[in-house]
Amino acid sequence: QVQLAESGGGLVQAGGSLRLSCAASGRTFSRFAMGWFRQAPGKERELVAGITWSGSNTYYADSVKGRFTISRDNAKNTVYLQMNSLNPEDTAVYYCAGTLYGGSTRLSNPTIYDYWGQGTQVTVSS
């Protein structure tokens, strides 16, 4: 088991930035590929970014490419999502998720992630 806890959400104006953090505890974090998902009201959960256990490979959804950056610090058992140039369409609950089966070619598959945090709210005002 691995336990995940997100932080860093909040209210920001359009054009602003936020950095989300996801702290992991339990099983060896460095073995896990990690992802960030989001779910807006009335919409399906969307995978927005993923990163392999080493950090050498990443995935981004088209909707966030060039604006969001996923990174990790295995020494701190933490994965981050730097979000820049935010717009109201980015408003959602953001979740981090982990998997032991996340090779570079599988990061974009949302079904591989099987450990989840509780989520953190991000609200972007216009």
Foldseek 3Di string as FASTA:
>chain_A
DKAKAKDWADEAAAQAKTKMKIAIDDPQLLLKKKWKWWDDPPGDIGTAKIAHSVRPAMDGDPVQPPFWDWGDDSVRRMIMIIGGRDDQVPWTWMKMFIANPDDRVCRRPVVRTDHIYPTDTHGYHD
